[in-house]
Amino acid sequence: MLKQRVHGVVDVYGGRKPSFEVLRRECSPVENLQITSQGGALSATVRSRRQLPMYPLDGYTLRWIVYGFDDLPMEKYEAPLPRLDPRQTTTVRLSYREKKPTRVQVDVLRPTGFSAVTVWWKP
C-alpha cells in the first residue's frame, strides 16, 4: 500500500512542502528578525508581533550558526531572549571568532526547540 498524504505541510518522508514556510511565518509570534552589520560586528533585532497571532515570547532563544571556509558550519552559538510582550523589541550582539564568514544563519527558537523564524546574513 502506497502512503499518500495530500494534506499537511510535509510529505510522507518529512520533506517540507512550499506551504511549510507560509504556515511558519503566519503562526510565528515574531514579526521581524533583522540582522545589521556595523564595523564588522553583527547584531540581531527581534520584534514581536503587533497583530494576531500575538503573544509573549517567553523562553525563546536566539541561535546563530557561522559558516566559513568552503561554506561549512564553523561555529554555533545560542543566547536566551528576554521575555518580549507583544509589540516589544530587543537587540542581541552576535559574536563569533571566524575571520572570514561566508554567511550566518540566525534562528529564533521556540521553547520546544523548533525555529519560529530564520534569516540569513551574507557579507
PDB file of N, CA and C in Angstrom:
ATOM      1  N   MET A   1       0.841  -1.176   0.000  1.00  0.00           N
ATOM      2  CA  MET A   1       0.000   0.000   0.000  1.00  0.00           C
ATOM      3  C   MET A   1       0.887   1.241   0.000  1.00  0.00           C
ATOM      4  N   LEU A   2       0.592   2.164  -0.881  1.00  0.00           N
ATOM      5  CA  LEU A   2       1.353   3.396  -1.003  1.00  0.00           C
ATOM      6  C   LEU A   2       0.773   4.444  -0.065  1.00  0.00           C
ATOM      7  N   LYS A   3       1.646   4.979   0.780  1.00  0.00           N
ATOM      8  CA  LYS A   3       1.194   6.028   1.696  1.00  0.00           C
ATOM      9  C   LYS A   3       1.192   7.356   0.961  1.00  0.00           C
ATOM     10  N   GLN A   4       0.053   7.996   0.925  1.00  0.00           N
ATOM     11  CA  GLN A   4      -0.046   9.317   0.323  1.00  0.00           C
ATOM     12  C   GLN A   4      -0.590  10.291   1.350  1.00  0.00           C
ATOM     13  N   ARG A   5      -0.046  11.454   1.316  1.00  0.00           N
ATOM     14  CA  ARG A   5      -0.513  12.494   2.226  1.00  0.00           C
ATOM     15  C   ARG A   5      -0.725  13.761   1.403  1.00  0.00           C
ATOM     16  N   VAL A   6      -1.959  14.015   1.044  1.00  0.00           N
ATOM     17  CA  VAL A   6      -2.251  15.187   0.229  1.00  0.00           C
ATOM     18  C   VAL A   6      -2.491  16.426   1.085  1.00  0.00           C
ATOM     19  N   HIS A   7      -2.711  16.236   2.377  1.00  0.00           N
ATOM     20  CA  HIS A   7      -2.914  17.362   3.281  1.00  0.00           C
ATOM     21  C   HIS A   7      -1.630  17.586   4.084  1.00  0.00           C
ATOM     22  N   GLY A   8      -1.558  18.675   4.805  1.00  0.00           N
ATOM     23  CA  GLY A   8      -0.411  18.949   5.666  1.00  0.00           C
ATOM     24  C   GLY A   8       0.684  19.727   4.969  1.00  0.00           C
ATOM     25  N   VAL A   9       1.735  20.039   5.726  1.00  0.00           N
ATOM     26  CA  VAL A   9       2.824  20.866   5.212  1.00  0.00           C
ATOM     27  C   VAL A   9       4.114  20.086   4.982  1.00  0.00           C
ATOM     28  N   VAL A  10       4.104  18.776   5.275  1.00  0.00           N
ATOM     29  CA  VAL A  10       5.243  17.914   4.960  1.00  0.00           C
ATOM     30  C   VAL A  10       4.734  16.678   4.218  1.00  0.00           C
ATOM     31  N   ASP A  11       5.630  16.068   3.424  1.00  0.00           N
ATOM     32  CA  ASP A  11       5.245  14.856   2.722  1.00  0.00           C
ATOM     33  C   ASP A  11       5.471  13.642   3.620  1.00  0.00           C
ATOM     34  N   VAL A  12       5.230  12.446   3.109  1.00  0.00           N
ATOM     35  CA  VAL A  12       5.344  11.238   3.933  1.00  0.00           C
ATOM     36  C   VAL A  12       6.773  10.984   4.390  1.00  0.00           C
ATOM     37  N   TYR A  13       7.742  11.608   3.734  1.00  0.00           N
ATOM     38  CA  TYR A  13       9.151  11.433   4.112  1.00  0.00           C
ATOM     39  C   TYR A  13       9.652  12.558   5.019  1.00  0.00           C
ATOM     40  N   GLY A  14       8.760  13.465   5.395  1.00  0.00           N
ATOM     41  CA  GLY A  14       9.148  14.573   6.267  1.00  0.00           C
ATOM     42  C   GLY A  14       9.681  15.776   5.512  1.00  0.00           C
ATOM     43  N   GLY A  15       9.698  15.703   4.180  1.00  0.00           N
ATOM     44  CA  GLY A  15      10.150  16.840   3.378  1.00  0.00           C
ATOM     45  C   GLY A  15       9.139  17.969   3.434  1.00  0.00           C
ATOM     46  N   ARG A  16       9.640  19.182   3.483  1.00  0.00           N
ATOM     47  CA  ARG A  16       8.759  20.347   3.603  1.00  0.00           C
ATOM     48  C   ARG A  16       8.129  20.695   2.257  1.00  0.00           C
ATOM     49  N   LYS A  17       6.827  20.901   2.293  1.00  0.00           N
ATOM     50  CA  LYS A  17       6.109  21.392   1.122  1.00  0.00           C
ATOM     51  C   LYS A  17       6.237  22.913   1.097  1.00  0.00           C
ATOM     52  N   PRO A  18       5.937  23.549  -0.047  1.00  0.00           N
ATOM     53  CA  PRO A  18       6.024  25.020  -0.107  1.00  0.00           C
ATOM     54  C   PRO A  18       5.173  25.720   0.943  1.00  0.00           C
ATOM     55  N   SER A  19       4.088  25.106   1.352  1.00  0.00           N
ATOM     56  CA  SER A  19       3.215  25.739   2.345  1.00  0.00           C
ATOM     57  C   SER A  19       3.829  25.753   3.745  1.00  0.00           C
ATOM     58  N   PHE A  20       4.896  24.987   3.988  1.00  0.00           N
ATOM     59  CA  PHE A  20       5.525  24.930   5.308  1.00  0.00           C
ATOM     60  C   PHE A  20       5.977  26.318   5.755  1.00  0.00           C
ATOM     61  N   GLU A  21       6.738  27.020   4.893  1.00  0.00           N
ATOM     62  CA  GLU A  21       7.261  28.343   5.257  1.00  0.00           C
ATOM     63  C   GLU A  21       6.146  29.362   5.452  1.00  0.00           C
ATOM     64  N   VAL A  22       5.101  29.260   4.639  1.00  0.00           N
ATOM     65  CA  VAL A  22       3.978  30.188   4.773  1.00  0.00           C
ATOM     66  C   VAL A  22       3.306  30.000   6.127  1.00  0.00           C
ATOM     67  N   LEU A  23       3.056  28.758   6.498  1.00  0.00           N
ATOM     68  CA  LEU A  23       2.411  28.478   7.786  1.00  0.00           C
ATOM     69  C   LEU A  23       3.306  28.903   8.946  1.00  0.00           C
ATOM     70  N   ARG A  24       4.609  28.629   8.850  1.00  0.00           N
ATOM     71  CA  ARG A  24       5.538  29.014   9.921  1.00  0.00           C
ATOM     72  C   ARG A  24       5.545  30.532  10.098  1.00  0.00           C
ATOM     73  N   ARG A  25       5.587  31.277   8.995  1.00  0.00           N
ATOM     74  CA  ARG A  25       5.607  32.738   9.065  1.00  0.00           C
ATOM     75  C   ARG A  25       4.295  33.291   9.629  1.00  0.00           C
ATOM     76  N   GLU A  26       3.168  32.740   9.200  1.00  0.00           N
ATOM     77  CA  GLU A  26       1.874  33.250   9.645  1.00  0.00           C
ATOM     78  C   GLU A  26       1.573  32.917  11.110  1.00  0.00           C
ATOM     79  N   CYS A  27       2.139  31.843  11.629  1.00  0.00           N
ATOM     80  CA  CYS A  27       1.866  31.433  13.009  1.00  0.00           C
ATOM     81  C   CYS A  27       2.937  31.894  13.990  1.00  0.00           C
ATOM     82  N   SER A  28       3.988  32.507  13.490  1.00  0.00           N
ATOM     83  CA  SER A  28       5.091  32.927  14.346  1.00  0.00           C
ATOM     84  C   SER A  28       4.726  34.171  15.151  1.00  0.00           C
ATOM     85  N   PRO A  29       5.127  34.212  16.430  1.00  0.00           N
ATOM     86  CA  PRO A  29       4.917  35.425  17.225  1.00  0.00           C
ATOM     87  C   PRO A  29       5.964  36.496  16.918  1.00  0.00           C
ATOM     88  N   VAL A  30       6.938  36.156  16.040  1.00  0.00           N
ATOM     89  CA  VAL A  30       7.989  37.100  15.662  1.00  0.00           C
ATOM     90  C   VAL A  30       7.549  37.828  14.398  1.00  0.00           C
ATOM     91  N   GLU A  31       7.444  39.139  14.501  1.00  0.00           N
ATOM     92  CA  GLU A  31       7.058  39.936  13.330  1.00  0.00           C
ATOM     93  C   GLU A  31       8.239  40.176  12.411  1.00  0.00           C
ATOM     94  N   ASN A  32       9.416  40.403  13.026  1.00  0.00           N
ATOM     95  CA  ASN A  32      10.583  40.738  12.223  1.00  0.00           C
ATOM     96  C   ASN A  32      11.856  40.308  12.934  1.00  0.00           C
ATOM     97  N   LEU A  33      12.791  39.765  12.158  1.00  0.00           N
ATOM     98  CA  LEU A  33      14.140  39.452  12.631  1.00  0.00           C
ATOM     99  C   LEU A  33      15.075  40.105  11.636  1.00  0.00           C
ATOM    100  N   GLN A  34      15.822  41.102  12.099  1.00  0.00           N
ATOM    101  CA  GLN A  34      16.690  41.866  11.212  1.00  0.00           C
ATOM    102  C   GLN A  34      18.133  41.767  11.684  1.00  0.00           C
ATOM    103  N   ILE A  35      19.033  41.493  10.736  1.00  0.00           N
ATOM    104  CA  ILE A  35      20.463  41.412  11.032  1.00  0.00           C
ATOM    105  C   ILE A  35      21.130  42.661  10.472  1.00  0.00           C
ATOM    106  N   THR A  36      21.935  43.330  11.308  1.00  0.00           N
ATOM    107  CA  THR A  36      22.668  44.511  10.853  1.00  0.00           C
ATOM    108  C   THR A  36      24.147  44.324  11.134  1.00  0.00           C
ATOM    109  N   SER A  37      24.962  44.938  10.283  1.00  0.00           N
ATOM    110  CA  SER A  37      26.413  44.864  10.418  1.00  0.00           C
ATOM    111  C   SER A  37      26.954  46.276  10.558  1.00  0.00           C
ATOM    112  N   GLN A  38      27.730  46.481  11.635  1.00  0.00           N
ATOM    113  CA  GLN A  38      28.347  47.782  11.861  1.00  0.00           C
ATOM    114  C   GLN A  38      29.780  47.568  12.296  1.00  0.00           C
ATOM    115  N   GLY A  39      30.710  47.987  11.453  1.00  0.00           N
ATOM    116  CA  GLY A  39      32.116  47.869  11.789  1.00  0.00           C
ATOM    117  C   GLY A  39      32.569  46.436  12.003  1.00  0.00           C
ATOM    118  N   GLY A  40      32.026  45.495  11.256  1.00  0.00           N
ATOM    119  CA  GLY A  40      32.409  44.093  11.375  1.00  0.00           C
ATOM    120  C   GLY A  40      31.670  43.336  12.460  1.00  0.00           C
ATOM    121  N   ALA A  41      30.844  44.023  13.246  1.00  0.00           N
ATOM    122  CA  ALA A  41      30.066  43.356  14.291  1.00  0.00           C
ATOM    123  C   ALA A  41      28.623  43.190  13.818  1.00  0.00           C
ATOM    124  N   LEU A  42      28.040  42.048  14.130  1.00  0.00           N
ATOM    125  CA  LEU A  42      26.655  41.778  13.762  1.00  0.00           C
ATOM    126  C   LEU A  42      25.751  41.907  14.975  1.00  0.00           C
ATOM    127  N   SER A  43      24.530  42.346  14.731  1.00  0.00           N
ATOM    128  CA  SER A  43      23.515  42.320  15.784  1.00  0.00           C
ATOM    129  C   SER A  43      22.186  41.923  15.165  1.00  0.00           C
ATOM    130  N   ALA A  44      21.378  41.263  15.979  1.00  0.00           N
ATOM    131  CA  ALA A  44      20.061  40.789  15.559  1.00  0.00           C
ATOM    132  C   ALA A  44      19.004  41.523  16.367  1.00  0.00           C
ATOM    133  N   THR A  45      18.032  42.082  15.679  1.00  0.00           N
ATOM    134  CA  THR A  45      16.918  42.760  16.329  1.00  0.00           C
ATOM    135  C   THR A  45      15.659  41.933  16.114  1.00  0.00           C
ATOM    136  N   VAL A  46      15.033  41.540  17.221  1.00  0.00           N
ATOM    137  CA  VAL A  46      13.822  40.723  17.195  1.00  0.00           C
ATOM    138  C   VAL A  46      12.656  41.606  17.618  1.00  0.00           C
ATOM    139  N   ARG A  47      11.614  41.628  16.789  1.00  0.00           N
ATOM    140  CA  ARG A  47      10.403  42.389  17.117  1.00  0.00           C
ATOM    141  C   ARG A  47       9.233  41.419  17.190  1.00  0.00           C
ATOM    142  N   SER A  48       8.511  41.435  18.319  1.00  0.00           N
ATOM    143  CA  SER A  48       7.337  40.573  18.455  1.00  0.00           C
ATOM    144  C   SER A  48       6.155  41.202  17.713  1.00  0.00           C
ATOM    145  N   ARG A  49       5.209  40.376  17.370  1.00  0.00           N
ATOM    146  CA  ARG A  49       4.076  40.820  16.545  1.00  0.00           C
ATOM    147  C   ARG A  49       3.250  41.925  17.184  1.00  0.00           C
ATOM    148  N   ARG A  50       2.700  42.741  16.289  1.00  0.00           N
ATOM    149  CA  ARG A  50       1.790  43.810  16.714  1.00  0.00           C
ATOM    150  C   ARG A  50       0.341  43.459  16.398  1.00  0.00           C
ATOM    151  N   GLN A  51       0.137  42.335  15.724  1.00  0.00           N
ATOM    152  CA  GLN A  51      -1.224  41.888  15.406  1.00  0.00           C
ATOM    153  C   GLN A  51      -1.273  40.366  15.524  1.00  0.00           C
ATOM    154  N   LEU A  52      -2.475  39.816  15.449  1.00  0.00           N
ATOM    155  CA  LEU A  52      -2.651  38.375  15.647  1.00  0.00           C
ATOM    156  C   LEU A  52      -1.846  37.568  14.652  1.00  0.00           C
ATOM    157  N   PRO A  53      -1.265  36.436  15.056  1.00  0.00           N
ATOM    158  CA  PRO A  53      -1.260  35.890  16.409  1.00  0.00           C
ATOM    159  C   PRO A  53      -0.161  36.543  17.239  1.00  0.00           C
ATOM    160  N   MET A  54      -0.547  37.248  18.269  1.00  0.00           N
ATOM    161  CA  MET A  54       0.445  37.899  19.123  1.00  0.00           C
ATOM    162  C   MET A  54       0.324  37.359  20.538  1.00  0.00           C
ATOM    163  N   TYR A  55       1.456  36.973  21.072  1.00  0.00           N
ATOM    164  CA  TYR A  55       1.542  36.504  22.443  1.00  0.00           C
ATOM    165  C   TYR A  55       2.984  36.681  22.895  1.00  0.00           C
ATOM    166  N   PRO A  56       3.249  36.648  24.174  1.00  0.00           N
ATOM    167  CA  PRO A  56       4.609  36.888  24.661  1.00  0.00           C
ATOM    168  C   PRO A  56       5.599  35.832  24.164  1.00  0.00           C
ATOM    169  N   LEU A  57       6.806  36.268  23.896  1.00  0.00           N
ATOM    170  CA  LEU A  57       7.899  35.354  23.619  1.00  0.00           C
ATOM    171  C   LEU A  57       8.555  35.088  24.970  1.00  0.00           C
ATOM    172  N   ASP A  58       8.254  33.962  25.556  1.00  0.00           N
ATOM    173  CA  ASP A  58       8.765  33.611  26.876  1.00  0.00           C
ATOM    174  C   ASP A  58       9.506  32.289  26.758  1.00  0.00           C
ATOM    175  N   GLY A  59      10.792  32.287  27.073  1.00  0.00           N
ATOM    176  CA  GLY A  59      11.590  31.073  26.958  1.00  0.00           C
ATOM    177  C   GLY A  59      12.169  30.871  25.568  1.00  0.00           C
ATOM    178  N   TYR A  60      12.141  31.891  24.730  1.00  0.00           N
ATOM    179  CA  TYR A  60      12.683  31.801  23.374  1.00  0.00           C
ATOM    180  C   TYR A  60      14.194  32.033  23.397  1.00  0.00           C
ATOM    181  N   THR A  61      14.876  31.519  22.377  1.00  0.00           N
ATOM    182  CA  THR A  61      16.334  31.581  22.280  1.00  0.00           C
ATOM    183  C   THR A  61      16.731  32.061  20.898  1.00  0.00           C
ATOM    184  N   LEU A  62      17.820  32.791  20.827  1.00  0.00           N
ATOM    185  CA  LEU A  62      18.395  33.185  19.544  1.00  0.00           C
ATOM    186  C   LEU A  62      19.585  32.272  19.270  1.00  0.00           C
ATOM    187  N   ARG A  63      19.617  31.657  18.086  1.00  0.00           N
ATOM    188  CA  ARG A  63      20.733  30.776  17.710  1.00  0.00           C
ATOM    189  C   ARG A  63      21.335  31.297  16.415  1.00  0.00           C
ATOM    190  N   TRP A  64      22.680  31.344  16.350  1.00  0.00           N
ATOM    191  CA  TRP A  64      23.324  31.720  15.104  1.00  0.00           C
ATOM    192  C   TRP A  64      24.441  30.737  14.790  1.00  0.00           C
ATOM    193  N   ILE A  65      24.495  30.355  13.511  1.00  0.00           N
ATOM    194  CA  ILE A  65      25.489  29.418  13.007  1.00  0.00           C
ATOM    195  C   ILE A  65      26.331  30.174  11.989  1.00  0.00           C
ATOM    196  N   VAL A  66      27.645  30.183  12.202  1.00  0.00           N
ATOM    197  CA  VAL A  66      28.568  30.916  11.345  1.00  0.00           C
ATOM    198  C   VAL A  66      29.221  29.925  10.385  1.00  0.00           C
ATOM    199  N   TYR A  67      29.109  30.223   9.097  1.00  0.00           N
ATOM    200  CA  TYR A  67      29.711  29.393   8.055  1.00  0.00           C
ATOM    201  C   TYR A  67      30.994  30.067   7.595  1.00  0.00           C
ATOM    202  N   GLY A  68      32.015  29.245   7.320  1.00  0.00           N
ATOM    203  CA  GLY A  68      33.303  29.785   6.918  1.00  0.00           C
ATOM    204  C   GLY A  68      33.847  29.106   5.686  1.00  0.00           C
ATOM    205  N   PHE A  69      35.126  28.719   5.752  1.00  0.00           N
ATOM    206  CA  PHE A  69      35.834  28.124   4.620  1.00  0.00           C
ATOM    207  C   PHE A  69      34.999  27.049   3.936  1.00  0.00           C
ATOM    208  N   ASP A  70      34.912  27.136   2.632  1.00  0.00           N
ATOM    209  CA  ASP A  70      34.185  26.164   1.806  1.00  0.00           C
ATOM    210  C   ASP A  70      32.698  26.100   2.188  1.00  0.00           C
ATOM    211  N   ASP A  71      32.197  27.186   2.787  1.00  0.00           N
ATOM    212  CA  ASP A  71      30.796  27.310   3.206  1.00  0.00           C
ATOM    213  C   ASP A  71      30.367  26.195   4.165  1.00  0.00           C
ATOM    214  N   LEU A  72      31.258  25.862   5.088  1.00  0.00           N
ATOM    215  CA  LEU A  72      30.971  24.844   6.103  1.00  0.00           C
ATOM    216  C   LEU A  72      30.608  25.519   7.424  1.00  0.00           C
ATOM    217  N   PRO A  73      29.712  24.904   8.207  1.00  0.00           N
ATOM    218  CA  PRO A  73      29.391  25.481   9.529  1.00  0.00           C
ATOM    219  C   PRO A  73      30.599  25.364  10.459  1.00  0.00           C
ATOM    220  N   MET A  74      31.052  26.495  10.978  1.00  0.00           N
ATOM    221  CA  MET A  74      32.257  26.526  11.815  1.00  0.00           C
ATOM    222  C   MET A  74      31.962  26.766  13.289  1.00  0.00           C
ATOM    223  N   GLU A  75      30.944  27.581  13.566  1.00  0.00           N
ATOM    224  CA  GLU A  75      30.639  27.934  14.948  1.00  0.00           C
ATOM    225  C   GLU A  75      29.130  27.989  15.139  1.00  0.00           C
ATOM    226  N   LYS A  76      28.703  27.665  16.353  1.00  0.00           N
ATOM    227  CA  LYS A  76      27.291  27.715  16.699  1.00  0.00           C
ATOM    228  C   LYS A  76      27.155  28.329  18.089  1.00  0.00           C
ATOM    229  N   TYR A  77      26.234  29.291  18.206  1.00  0.00           N
ATOM    230  CA  TYR A  77      26.024  29.982  19.475  1.00  0.00           C
ATOM    231  C   TYR A  77      24.530  30.084  19.764  1.00  0.00           C
ATOM    232  N   GLU A  78      24.200  30.219  21.037  1.00  0.00           N
ATOM    233  CA  GLU A  78      22.824  30.457  21.462  1.00  0.00           C
ATOM    234  C   GLU A  78      22.822  31.468  22.596  1.00  0.00           C
ATOM    235  N   ALA A  79      21.771  32.280  22.605  1.00  0.00           N
ATOM    236  CA  ALA A  79      21.596  33.262  23.689  1.00  0.00           C
ATOM    237  C   ALA A  79      20.109  33.332  24.017  1.00  0.00           C
ATOM    238  N   PRO A  80      19.765  33.267  25.295  1.00  0.00           N
ATOM    239  CA  PRO A  80      18.345  33.381  25.652  1.00  0.00           C
ATOM    240  C   PRO A  80      17.840  34.790  25.361  1.00  0.00           C
ATOM    241  N   LEU A  81      16.623  34.864  24.857  1.00  0.00           N
ATOM    242  CA  LEU A  81      15.993  36.167  24.644  1.00  0.00           C
ATOM    243  C   LEU A  81      15.234  36.559  25.907  1.00  0.00           C
ATOM    244  N   PRO A  82      15.214  37.844  26.228  1.00  0.00           N
ATOM    245  CA  PRO A  82      14.375  38.262  27.360  1.00  0.00           C
ATOM    246  C   PRO A  82      12.909  38.086  26.980  1.00  0.00           C
ATOM    247  N   ARG A  83      12.065  38.018  27.969  1.00  0.00           N
ATOM    248  CA  ARG A  83      10.624  37.924  27.682  1.00  0.00           C
ATOM    249  C   ARG A  83      10.208  39.168  26.896  1.00  0.00           C
ATOM    250  N   LEU A  84       9.536  38.930  25.766  1.00  0.00           N
ATOM    251  CA  LEU A  84       9.050  40.029  24.933  1.00  0.00           C
ATOM    252  C   LEU A  84       7.535  39.958  24.870  1.00  0.00           C
ATOM    253  N   ASP A  85       6.877  40.971  25.379  1.00  0.00           N
ATOM    254  CA  ASP A  85       5.434  41.069  25.224  1.00  0.00           C
ATOM    255  C   ASP A  85       5.141  41.541  23.802  1.00  0.00           C
ATOM    256  N   PRO A  86       3.899  41.403  23.345  1.00  0.00           N
ATOM    257  CA  PRO A  86       3.577  41.895  22.007  1.00  0.00           C
ATOM    258  C   PRO A  86       3.997  43.352  21.831  1.00  0.00           C
ATOM    259  N   ARG A  87       4.502  43.645  20.647  1.00  0.00           N
ATOM    260  CA  ARG A  87       4.945  44.989  20.252  1.00  0.00           C
ATOM    261  C   ARG A  87       6.288  45.399  20.852  1.00  0.00           C
ATOM    262  N   GLN A  88       7.019  44.477  21.459  1.00  0.00           N
ATOM    263  CA  GLN A  88       8.325  44.822  22.034  1.00  0.00           C
ATOM    264  C   GLN A  88       9.461  44.373  21.122  1.00  0.00           C
ATOM    265  N   THR A  89      10.629  44.991  21.325  1.00  0.00           N
ATOM    266  CA  THR A  89      11.811  44.728  20.507  1.00  0.00           C
ATOM    267  C   THR A  89      13.016  44.539  21.414  1.00  0.00           C
ATOM    268  N   THR A  90      13.936  43.667  20.995  1.00  0.00           N
ATOM    269  CA  THR A  90      15.210  43.511  21.687  1.00  0.00           C
ATOM    270  C   THR A  90      16.307  43.315  20.650  1.00  0.00           C
ATOM    271  N   THR A  91      17.535  43.688  21.016  1.00  0.00           N
ATOM    272  CA  THR A  91      18.681  43.528  20.124  1.00  0.00           C
ATOM    273  C   THR A  91      19.755  42.724  20.837  1.00  0.00           C
ATOM    274  N   VAL A  92      20.336  41.762  20.106  1.00  0.00           N
ATOM    275  CA  VAL A  92      21.384  40.890  20.646  1.00  0.00           C
ATOM    276  C   VAL A  92      22.608  41.004  19.747  1.00  0.00           C
ATOM    277  N   ARG A  93      23.777  41.183  20.355  1.00  0.00           N
ATOM    278  CA  ARG A  93      25.037  41.220  19.596  1.00  0.00           C
ATOM    279  C   ARG A  93      25.438  39.789  19.268  1.00  0.00           C
ATOM    280  N   LEU A  94      25.752  39.530  17.998  1.00  0.00           N
ATOM    281  CA  LEU A  94      26.143  38.193  17.544  1.00  0.00           C
ATOM    282  C   LEU A  94      27.662  38.128  17.435  1.00  0.00           C
ATOM    283  N   SER A  95      28.307  37.579  18.444  1.00  0.00           N
ATOM    284  CA  SER A  95      29.764  37.495  18.425  1.00  0.00           C
ATOM    285  C   SER A  95      30.192  36.147  17.847  1.00  0.00           C
ATOM    286  N   TYR A  96      31.355  36.130  17.235  1.00  0.00           N
ATOM    287  CA  TYR A  96      31.937  34.900  16.678  1.00  0.00           C
ATOM    288  C   TYR A  96      33.422  35.135  16.450  1.00  0.00           C
ATOM    289  N   ARG A  97      34.162  34.038  16.235  1.00  0.00           N
ATOM    290  CA  ARG A  97      35.611  34.111  16.063  1.00  0.00           C
ATOM    291  C   ARG A  97      36.056  33.962  14.609  1.00  0.00           C
ATOM    292  N   GLU A  98      35.207  33.440  13.757  1.00  0.00           N
ATOM    293  CA  GLU A  98      35.548  33.198  12.352  1.00  0.00           C
ATOM    294  C   GLU A  98      36.030  34.499  11.688  1.00  0.00           C
ATOM    295  N   LYS A  99      37.209  34.452  11.055  1.00  0.00           N
ATOM    296  CA  LYS A  99      37.801  35.651  10.443  1.00  0.00           C
ATOM    297  C   LYS A  99      37.090  36.078   9.166  1.00  0.00           C
ATOM    298  N   LYS A 100      36.679  35.097   8.338  1.00  0.00           N
ATOM    299  CA  LYS A 100      36.045  35.407   7.060  1.00  0.00           C
ATOM    300  C   LYS A 100      34.751  34.601   6.914  1.00  0.00           C
ATOM    301  N   PRO A 101      33.699  34.998   7.614  1.00  0.00           N
ATOM    302  CA  PRO A 101      32.450  34.245   7.477  1.00  0.00           C
ATOM    303  C   PRO A 101      31.868  34.402   6.073  1.00  0.00           C
ATOM    304  N   THR A 102      31.335  33.294   5.537  1.00  0.00           N
ATOM    305  CA  THR A 102      30.693  33.349   4.227  1.00  0.00           C
ATOM    306  C   THR A 102      29.212  33.679   4.370  1.00  0.00           C
ATOM    307  N   ARG A 103      28.622  33.279   5.499  1.00  0.00           N
ATOM    308  CA  ARG A 103      27.224  33.577   5.797  1.00  0.00           C
ATOM    309  C   ARG A 103      26.954  33.216   7.252  1.00  0.00           C
ATOM    310  N   VAL A 104      25.862  33.738   7.769  1.00  0.00           N
ATOM    311  CA  VAL A 104      25.441  33.435   9.137  1.00  0.00           C
ATOM    312  C   VAL A 104      23.939  33.149   9.105  1.00  0.00           C
ATOM    313  N   GLN A 105      23.562  32.008   9.681  1.00  0.00           N
ATOM    314  CA  GLN A 105      22.147  31.639   9.800  1.00  0.00           C
ATOM    315  C   GLN A 105      21.692  32.000  11.202  1.00  0.00           C
ATOM    316  N   VAL A 106      20.609  32.782  11.293  1.00  0.00           N
ATOM    317  CA  VAL A 106      20.090  33.216  12.591  1.00  0.00           C
ATOM    318  C   VAL A 106      18.656  32.714  12.726  1.00  0.00           C
ATOM    319  N   ASP A 107      18.368  32.021  13.832  1.00  0.00           N
ATOM    320  CA  ASP A 107      17.040  31.488  14.108  1.00  0.00           C
ATOM    321  C   ASP A 107      16.549  31.983  15.457  1.00  0.00           C
ATOM    322  N   VAL A 108      15.244  32.227  15.546  1.00  0.00           N
ATOM    323  CA  VAL A 108      14.584  32.424  16.832  1.00  0.00           C
ATOM    324  C   VAL A 108      13.937  31.086  17.148  1.00  0.00           C
ATOM    325  N   LEU A 109      14.408  30.450  18.229  1.00  0.00           N
ATOM    326  CA  LEU A 109      13.916  29.125  18.599  1.00  0.00           C
ATOM    327  C   LEU A 109      12.832  29.215  19.657  1.00  0.00           C
ATOM    328  N   ARG A 110      11.785  28.446  19.438  1.00  0.00           N
ATOM    329  CA  ARG A 110      10.713  28.325  20.428  1.00  0.00           C
ATOM    330  C   ARG A 110      11.233  27.512  21.617  1.00  0.00           C
ATOM    331  N   PRO A 111      10.554  27.529  22.751  1.00  0.00           N
ATOM    332  CA  PRO A 111      10.982  26.710  23.894  1.00  0.00           C
ATOM    333  C   PRO A 111      11.024  25.212  23.545  1.00  0.00           C
ATOM    334  N   THR A 112      10.272  24.800  22.527  1.00  0.00           N
ATOM    335  CA  THR A 112      10.267  23.401  22.094  1.00  0.00           C
ATOM    336  C   THR A 112      11.488  23.042  21.262  1.00  0.00           C
ATOM    337  N   GLY A 113      12.279  24.053  20.852  1.00  0.00           N
ATOM    338  CA  GLY A 113      13.462  23.815  20.033  1.00  0.00           C
ATOM    339  C   GLY A 113      13.233  24.038  18.550  1.00  0.00           C
ATOM    340  N   PHE A 114      11.987  24.207  18.139  1.00  0.00           N
ATOM    341  CA  PHE A 114      11.678  24.452  16.731  1.00  0.00           C
ATOM    342  C   PHE A 114      11.900  25.924  16.397  1.00  0.00           C
ATOM    343  N   SER A 115      12.284  26.180  15.165  1.00  0.00           N
ATOM    344  CA  SER A 115      12.551  27.544  14.724  1.00  0.00           C
ATOM    345  C   SER A 115      11.251  28.267  14.379  1.00  0.00           C
ATOM    346  N   ALA A 116      11.079  29.471  14.939  1.00  0.00           N
ATOM    347  CA  ALA A 116       9.915  30.304  14.624  1.00  0.00           C
ATOM    348  C   ALA A 116      10.174  31.156  13.398  1.00  0.00           C
ATOM    349  N   VAL A 117      11.450  31.499  13.168  1.00  0.00           N
ATOM    350  CA  VAL A 117      11.835  32.305  12.001  1.00  0.00           C
ATOM    351  C   VAL A 117      13.328  32.106  11.758  1.00  0.00           C
ATOM    352  N   THR A 118      13.712  32.145  10.480  1.00  0.00           N
ATOM    353  CA  THR A 118      15.116  32.009  10.081  1.00  0.00           C
ATOM    354  C   THR A 118      15.480  33.149   9.139  1.00  0.00           C
ATOM    355  N   VAL A 119      16.659  33.733   9.352  1.00  0.00           N
ATOM    356  CA  VAL A 119      17.188  34.781   8.470  1.00  0.00           C
ATOM    357  C   VAL A 119      18.646  34.460   8.182  1.00  0.00           C
ATOM    358  N   TRP A 120      19.066  34.706   6.939  1.00  0.00           N
ATOM    359  CA  TRP A 120      20.459  34.517   6.535  1.00  0.00           C
ATOM    360  C   TRP A 120      21.114  35.865   6.324  1.00  0.00           C
ATOM    361  N   TRP A 121      22.355  36.008   6.807  1.00  0.00           N
ATOM    362  CA  TRP A 121      23.156  37.211   6.555  1.00  0.00           C
ATOM    363  C   TRP A 121      24.357  36.806   5.721  1.00  0.00           C
ATOM    364  N   LYS A 122      24.654  37.609   4.701  1.00  0.00           N
ATOM    365  CA  LYS A 122      25.853  37.389   3.882  1.00  0.00           C
ATOM    366  C   LYS A 122      26.638  38.689   3.816  1.00  0.00           C
ATOM    367  N   PRO A 123      27.973  38.579   3.927  1.00  0.00           N
ATOM    368  CA  PRO A 123      28.793  39.805   3.870  1.00  0.00           C
ATOM    369  C   PRO A 123      28.790  40.443   2.490  1.00  0.00           C
TER     370      PRO A 123
END
